[in-house]
Amino acid sequence: WAGREWLFAAVRRALYYTSHETTHARQVTTICHGIGITGSRGMGKTSFLSELALRPQEVTNLNVGAYHFCRSDDPDTLNPALFVHSIAAMLTSTCKEYRRLMVQSTTSSRGDSI
């Protein structure tokens, strides 16, 4: 990934930005909770995001909770319902709080108690 550090820097800027507002005389750093990468075929989106998924701490200093790769030749990757299911499944395995909320939501919808 030599020569593409500018792209990782752009992702860091998108994920962490400093608010222009001040709270009690100090600037506030805000963390974005998600980004979307779009571009034309062959621009390197999959390669870049694969690298990002392999070394998220080094690149963004954040954990990657979930990701999804769309492929024009694979209709399943373009299906919105499968996208949501895939992201939810990954978040359930990577985020304890999300898993707890999902279990709580599932049991309360069935009338069970925790």
Protein backbone atom coordinates (compact mmCIF):
# COMPACT_ATOMS: atom_id res chain seq x y z
CA TRP A 1 0.00 0.00 0.00
CA ALA A 2 2.93 2.28 -0.64
CA GLY A 3 1.83 5.67 -1.90
CA ARG A 4 -1.74 5.36 -0.63
CA GLU A 5 -1.23 6.64 2.90
CA TRP A 6 -3.12 9.77 1.79
CA LEU A 7 -6.23 7.62 1.54
CA PHE A 8 -5.84 6.30 5.09
CA ALA A 9 -5.28 9.90 6.24
CA ALA A 10 -8.52 10.92 4.51
CA VAL A 11 -10.39 8.13 6.34
CA ARG A 12 -8.90 9.25 9.66
CA ARG A 13 -10.04 12.83 8.93
CA ALA A 14 -13.53 11.55 8.07
CA LEU A 15 -13.76 9.44 11.22
CA TYR A 16 -12.33 12.01 13.62
CA TYR A 17 -13.16 15.63 13.13
CA THR A 18 -12.89 18.56 15.47
CA SER A 19 -16.03 20.57 15.90
CA HIS A 20 -15.79 24.28 15.23
CA GLU A 21 -18.01 24.84 18.23
CA THR A 22 -16.47 25.10 21.65
CA THR A 23 -17.84 23.71 24.87
CA HIS A 24 -16.60 25.37 28.03
CA ALA A 25 -13.69 26.97 26.14
CA ARG A 26 -12.43 23.77 24.50
CA GLN A 27 -12.91 22.20 21.12
CA VAL A 28 -14.83 18.97 20.87
CA THR A 29 -13.56 16.02 18.84
CA THR A 30 -16.38 14.02 17.33
CA ILE A 31 -16.12 10.42 16.17
CA CYS A 32 -18.09 9.39 13.10
CA HIS A 33 -19.64 5.96 13.50
CA GLY A 34 -19.48 4.86 9.90
CA ILE A 35 -18.28 5.68 6.43
CA GLY A 36 -19.18 4.55 2.96
CA ILE A 37 -16.63 4.18 0.18
CA THR A 38 -17.90 4.53 -3.39
CA GLY A 39 -16.19 4.76 -6.74
CA SER A 40 -15.99 3.39 -10.24
CA ARG A 41 -15.06 -0.19 -11.05
CA GLY A 42 -11.33 -0.88 -10.73
CA MET A 43 -10.48 2.10 -8.53
CA GLY A 44 -9.27 -0.08 -5.65
CA LYS A 45 -12.19 0.15 -3.22
CA THR A 46 -12.09 -3.55 -2.33
CA SER A 47 -8.32 -3.56 -1.99
CA PHE A 48 -8.37 -0.48 0.22
CA LEU A 49 -11.16 -1.74 2.46
CA SER A 50 -9.54 -5.17 2.72
CA GLU A 51 -6.40 -3.46 3.98
CA LEU A 52 -8.46 -1.34 6.35
CA ALA A 53 -10.22 -4.44 7.71
CA LEU A 54 -6.85 -6.19 8.23
CA ARG A 55 -5.24 -3.39 10.20
CA PRO A 56 -7.97 -1.10 11.55
CA GLN A 57 -6.13 -0.07 14.72
CA GLU A 58 -3.06 1.00 12.77
CA VAL A 59 -5.07 2.92 10.19
CA THR A 60 -7.86 4.54 12.19
CA ASN A 61 -7.19 3.68 15.84
CA LEU A 62 -10.71 2.24 15.91
CA ASN A 63 -12.09 -1.26 15.90
CA VAL A 64 -13.95 -2.31 12.77
CA GLY A 65 -17.26 -3.66 14.01
CA ALA A 66 -18.65 -4.73 10.65
CA TYR A 67 -18.07 -4.34 6.94
CA HIS A 68 -19.73 -5.34 3.70
CA PHE A 69 -18.34 -5.76 0.20
CA CYS A 70 -20.70 -5.40 -2.76
CA ARG A 71 -19.81 -7.24 -5.96
CA SER A 72 -21.62 -6.51 -9.18
CA ASP A 73 -21.29 -10.18 -10.22
CA ASP A 74 -22.81 -11.53 -6.96
CA PRO A 75 -26.51 -10.61 -6.53
CA ASP A 76 -26.51 -11.71 -2.89
CA THR A 77 -24.05 -8.93 -2.01
CA LEU A 78 -26.44 -6.40 -3.56
CA ASN A 79 -29.50 -7.62 -1.63
CA PRO A 80 -30.44 -5.02 1.05
CA ALA A 81 -31.96 -7.62 3.39
CA LEU A 82 -28.82 -9.78 3.27
CA PHE A 83 -26.69 -6.66 3.78
CA VAL A 84 -28.56 -5.77 6.98
CA HIS A 85 -28.47 -9.37 8.21
CA SER A 86 -24.73 -9.62 7.54
CA ILE A 87 -23.93 -6.35 9.33
CA ALA A 88 -26.16 -7.30 12.28
CA ALA A 89 -24.49 -10.71 12.58
CA MET A 90 -21.01 -9.16 12.56
CA LEU A 91 -21.96 -6.53 15.12
CA THR A 92 -23.44 -9.22 17.35
CA SER A 93 -20.07 -10.98 17.38
CA THR A 94 -17.86 -7.88 17.69
CA CYS A 95 -19.83 -5.55 19.95
CA LYS A 96 -20.92 -6.74 23.40
CA GLU A 97 -23.40 -3.90 23.91
CA TYR A 98 -25.05 -4.52 20.54
CA ARG A 99 -25.28 -8.25 21.33
CA ARG A 100 -26.86 -7.47 24.71
CA LEU A 101 -29.43 -5.16 23.09
CA MET A 102 -30.25 -7.74 20.42
CA VAL A 103 -30.79 -10.46 23.02
CA GLN A 104 -32.89 -8.08 25.12
CA SER A 105 -34.95 -7.07 22.07
CA THR A 106 -35.48 -10.67 20.97
CA THR A 107 -36.52 -11.93 24.39
CA SER A 108 -38.82 -8.97 25.08
CA SER A 109 -40.56 -9.40 21.71
CA ARG A 110 -41.30 -13.04 22.63
CA GLY A 111 -42.60 -12.03 26.04
CA ASP A 112 -39.70 -13.70 27.87
CA SER A 113 -37.88 -11.97 30.66
CA ILE A 114 -34.14 -11.77 31.08
